[in-house]
Amino acid sequence: MGYLLPAEYQAYGLAADTADDIVAMASALMEAHCRRPTLMAAQYTERIRLTANAQTGCLSYGPLAAGALISARVRYAKGRRGEYADFNQNQQLGMQIATAFGLPGTWSVLDVTTIDLYPNAREVTFPANFLGVGYNEAEITYTAGFVTIPDQVKFACVQIVKNALATPALNVKSSRLDTMHMEYFAGTLIDDGVRSLLKPYVAEKLG
């Protein structure tokens, strides 16, 4: 989708007759740069591996709002080598009980209202359990993205369009005369200014 409407072109510094295809191209480049299918609100399901003694994980996509968490599952997966070496005696006992009766590998549904969400950092903190042993794997379904596109995203879209229009010969790999068709744009279209504007929305854990 285009992150700038035709009626907004002039208000954000573009010519009124700017081709919609260029805006759509700029929007697609923004999504690729942010490593996500859309910047608008969408539902994601993500599996988080938690380290020993840590009940906090980070979600890949933002922004997050209150009520973003939809569902969560947790489990005591088999620990990695040396993962519980620094556990004290009580924690080791709790892990043995969890292993014996908790059926490692079996998912359990967790009430999302018991999870603390820190939207700005995209962090989730899971509640402690009575055994004193933390979960080491979680699967969370949540909603992330914009309901209303902010100016920051619109200005990033405008800047990519301007970069494309300023140096078409350097960026266009092929074109057709009958209809506007561009196959490839160089990475320079996303300059440092655009990267700065989009930095808060780049998926953080996807490579």
Protein backbone atom coordinates (compact mmCIF):
# COMPACT_ATOMS: atom_id res chain seq x y z
CA MET A 1 0.00 0.00 0.00
CA GLY A 2 1.06 3.63 -0.42
CA TYR A 3 1.87 5.47 2.80
CA LEU A 4 0.97 8.80 1.23
CA LEU A 5 -2.40 9.59 -0.33
CA PRO A 6 -2.63 11.57 -3.60
CA ALA A 7 -4.49 14.34 -1.75
CA GLU A 8 -1.47 14.68 0.57
CA TYR A 9 1.24 15.02 -2.08
CA GLN A 10 1.40 18.81 -2.12
CA ALA A 11 1.06 19.15 1.65
CA TYR A 12 4.19 17.01 2.09
CA GLY A 13 6.21 18.70 -0.63
CA LEU A 14 5.51 16.61 -3.74
CA ALA A 15 4.04 17.81 -7.00
CA ALA A 16 0.33 17.16 -7.37
CA ASP A 17 0.97 15.16 -10.54
CA THR A 18 3.48 12.79 -8.92
CA ALA A 19 2.91 9.29 -10.29
CA ASP A 20 1.17 7.01 -7.81
CA ASP A 21 3.47 4.17 -8.93
CA ILE A 22 6.50 5.97 -7.54
CA VAL A 23 4.82 6.43 -4.16
CA ALA A 24 3.84 2.75 -4.15
CA MET A 25 7.44 1.83 -4.98
CA ALA A 26 8.75 4.03 -2.16
CA SER A 27 6.31 2.42 0.26
CA ALA A 28 7.44 -1.07 -0.78
CA LEU A 29 11.09 -0.09 -0.27
CA MET A 30 10.25 1.13 3.22
CA GLU A 31 8.63 -2.20 4.10
CA ALA A 32 11.63 -4.10 2.75
CA HIS A 33 14.02 -1.89 4.71
CA CYS A 34 12.00 -2.46 7.89
CA ARG A 35 11.87 -6.21 7.15
CA ARG A 36 8.12 -6.51 7.60
CA PRO A 37 5.07 -6.96 5.35
CA THR A 38 3.45 -3.70 6.39
CA LEU A 39 3.88 -0.76 8.76
CA MET A 40 0.15 -0.73 9.41
CA ALA A 41 -1.39 -2.68 12.29
CA ALA A 42 -1.07 -6.41 11.68
CA GLN A 43 -1.02 -9.58 13.76
CA TYR A 44 2.22 -11.48 14.34
CA THR A 45 3.06 -14.76 16.07
CA GLU A 46 6.60 -14.98 17.38
CA ARG A 47 8.52 -17.60 19.33
CA ILE A 48 11.00 -16.32 21.91
CA ARG A 49 13.80 -18.35 23.47
CA LEU A 50 14.51 -17.13 27.00
CA THR A 51 17.91 -17.50 28.65
CA ALA A 52 18.37 -19.00 32.09
CA ASN A 53 17.42 -16.66 34.96
CA ALA A 54 15.80 -14.23 32.51
CA GLN A 55 12.05 -13.88 32.21
CA THR A 56 12.21 -11.05 29.70
CA GLY A 57 12.07 -11.24 25.91
CA CYS A 58 11.99 -8.74 23.06
CA LEU A 59 9.40 -8.68 20.29
CA SER A 60 10.50 -7.96 16.73
CA TYR A 61 7.79 -5.60 15.53
CA GLY A 62 6.50 -2.26 16.74
CA PRO A 63 5.02 0.05 17.60
CA LEU A 64 3.13 -1.72 20.35
CA ALA A 65 0.14 -0.30 22.16
CA ALA A 66 -1.67 -1.22 25.36
CA GLY A 67 -3.64 -4.38 24.71
CA ALA A 68 -1.30 -5.48 21.93
CA LEU A 69 -0.85 -8.97 23.41
CA ILE A 70 -3.48 -11.37 22.11
CA SER A 71 -2.35 -14.78 23.36
CA ALA A 72 0.69 -16.50 24.81
CA ARG A 73 1.99 -20.01 25.35
CA VAL A 74 4.98 -21.03 27.45
CA ARG A 75 6.91 -24.20 28.13
CA TYR A 76 9.89 -25.70 29.88
CA ALA A 77 11.86 -26.77 26.86
CA LYS A 78 14.90 -28.97 27.35
CA GLY A 79 17.71 -26.74 28.53
CA ARG A 80 20.78 -26.15 26.45
CA ARG A 81 24.16 -27.43 27.64
CA GLY A 82 25.31 -25.52 30.72
CA GLU A 83 22.17 -23.37 30.78
CA TYR A 84 21.35 -24.16 34.42
CA ALA A 85 24.92 -24.55 35.74
CA ASP A 86 24.60 -21.49 37.98
CA PHE A 87 21.25 -22.47 39.52
CA ASN A 88 21.24 -22.81 43.30
CA GLN A 89 20.06 -25.99 45.02
CA ASN A 90 16.43 -24.87 45.28
CA GLN A 91 16.33 -23.87 41.63
CA GLN A 92 17.88 -27.17 40.60
CA LEU A 93 15.23 -28.99 42.62
CA GLY A 94 12.50 -26.89 41.03
CA MET A 95 13.83 -27.72 37.58
CA GLN A 96 13.86 -31.41 38.42
CA ILE A 97 10.22 -31.19 39.51
CA ALA A 98 9.29 -29.23 36.39
CA THR A 99 11.09 -31.81 34.27
CA ALA A 100 9.41 -34.71 36.05
CA PHE A 101 5.86 -33.38 36.14
CA GLY A 102 5.79 -30.47 33.73
CA LEU A 103 6.38 -32.59 30.62
CA PRO A 104 9.10 -30.51 28.95
CA GLY A 105 8.14 -29.60 25.43
CA THR A 106 4.43 -29.31 26.24
CA TRP A 107 2.96 -25.86 25.71
CA SER A 108 0.78 -24.27 28.37
CA VAL A 109 -1.49 -21.29 27.77
CA LEU A 110 -0.55 -18.22 29.80
CA ASP A 111 -2.94 -15.42 30.66
CA VAL A 112 -1.62 -12.36 28.81
CA THR A 113 -2.81 -10.08 31.62
CA THR A 114 -0.04 -11.57 33.79
CA ILE A 115 2.64 -10.44 31.30
CA ASP A 116 4.22 -7.02 31.70
CA LEU A 117 4.54 -5.17 28.40
CA TYR A 118 7.03 -2.33 27.88
CA PRO A 119 5.89 -0.87 24.53
CA ASN A 120 8.79 1.49 23.80
CA ALA A 121 11.40 -1.25 24.22
CA ARG A 122 9.13 -3.97 22.77
CA GLU A 123 9.87 -6.01 25.89
CA VAL A 124 7.68 -8.57 27.60
CA THR A 125 8.35 -9.87 31.11
CA PHE A 126 6.79 -13.13 32.21
CA PRO A 127 5.51 -13.83 35.74
CA ALA A 128 7.45 -15.99 38.17
CA ASN A 129 6.04 -19.42 38.98
CA PHE A 130 5.77 -21.20 42.31
CA LEU A 131 8.65 -23.57 41.52
CA GLY A 132 11.10 -20.72 41.17
CA VAL A 133 12.01 -21.94 37.69
CA GLY A 134 11.45 -19.62 34.77
CA TYR A 135 10.03 -20.60 31.44
CA ASN A 136 12.67 -20.85 28.76
CA GLU A 137 10.49 -20.60 25.67
CA ALA A 138 7.38 -18.59 24.80
CA GLU A 139 5.16 -18.10 21.80
CA ILE A 140 3.30 -14.80 21.65
CA THR A 141 0.63 -13.56 19.28
CA TYR A 142 0.34 -9.79 19.24
CA THR A 143 -0.64 -6.78 17.17
CA ALA A 144 1.95 -4.26 16.03
CA GLY A 145 1.91 -1.33 13.63
CA PHE A 146 0.07 1.90 12.99
CA VAL A 147 -3.64 2.53 12.86
CA THR A 148 -2.94 6.06 11.59
CA ILE A 149 0.23 6.69 9.60
CA PRO A 150 2.43 9.24 11.43
CA ASP A 151 4.19 12.16 9.76
CA GLN A 152 7.55 10.49 10.34
CA VAL A 153 6.62 7.64 8.00
CA LYS A 154 5.08 9.97 5.43
CA PHE A 155 8.19 12.15 5.31
CA ALA A 156 10.33 9.04 4.82
CA CYS A 157 8.13 8.06 1.88
CA VAL A 158 8.40 11.57 0.40
CA GLN A 159 12.19 11.57 0.69
CA ILE A 160 12.50 8.25 -1.17
CA VAL A 161 10.27 9.60 -3.94
CA LYS A 162 12.39 12.76 -4.20
CA ASN A 163 15.58 10.69 -4.30
CA ALA A 164 14.14 8.59 -7.11
CA LEU A 165 13.02 11.59 -9.13
CA ALA A 166 16.32 13.40 -8.62
CA THR A 167 18.54 10.67 -10.10
CA PRO A 168 16.39 8.43 -12.32
CA ALA A 169 19.23 7.50 -14.66
CA LEU A 170 21.30 6.10 -11.80
CA ASN A 171 18.50 4.16 -10.18
CA VAL A 172 16.31 2.79 -12.96
CA LYS A 173 17.49 -0.50 -14.41
CA SER A 174 14.84 -0.68 -17.12
CA SER A 175 11.77 1.25 -18.19
CA ARG A 176 8.95 1.28 -20.73
CA LEU A 177 7.72 4.31 -22.63
CA ASP A 178 4.05 3.36 -22.83
CA THR A 179 3.60 2.96 -19.09
CA MET A 180 5.77 3.82 -16.16
CA HIS A 181 7.69 0.71 -15.23
CA MET A 182 10.78 0.51 -13.03
CA GLU A 183 12.41 -2.81 -12.19
CA TYR A 184 15.15 -1.84 -9.80
CA PHE A 185 16.22 1.03 -7.60
CA ALA A 186 19.63 1.32 -6.01
CA GLY A 187 19.96 1.24 -2.25
CA THR A 188 20.98 4.91 -2.26
CA LEU A 189 17.29 5.81 -2.49
CA ILE A 190 17.12 5.00 1.21
CA ASP A 191 19.59 7.56 2.47
CA ASP A 192 20.71 8.32 6.01
CA GLY A 193 17.77 10.64 6.59
CA VAL A 194 15.27 7.95 5.63
CA ARG A 195 17.07 5.38 7.77
CA SER A 196 16.87 7.72 10.73
CA LEU A 197 13.14 8.26 10.25
CA LEU A 198 12.43 4.52 9.93
CA LYS A 199 14.83 3.27 12.60
CA PRO A 200 12.15 2.83 15.33
CA TYR A 201 10.13 0.55 13.02
CA VAL A 202 12.82 -1.83 11.74
CA ALA A 203 12.27 -5.42 12.90
CA GLU A 204 15.06 -6.04 15.39
CA LYS A 205 15.46 -9.82 15.53
CA LEU A 206 15.22 -10.93 11.93
CA GLY A 207 18.86 -11.10 10.92
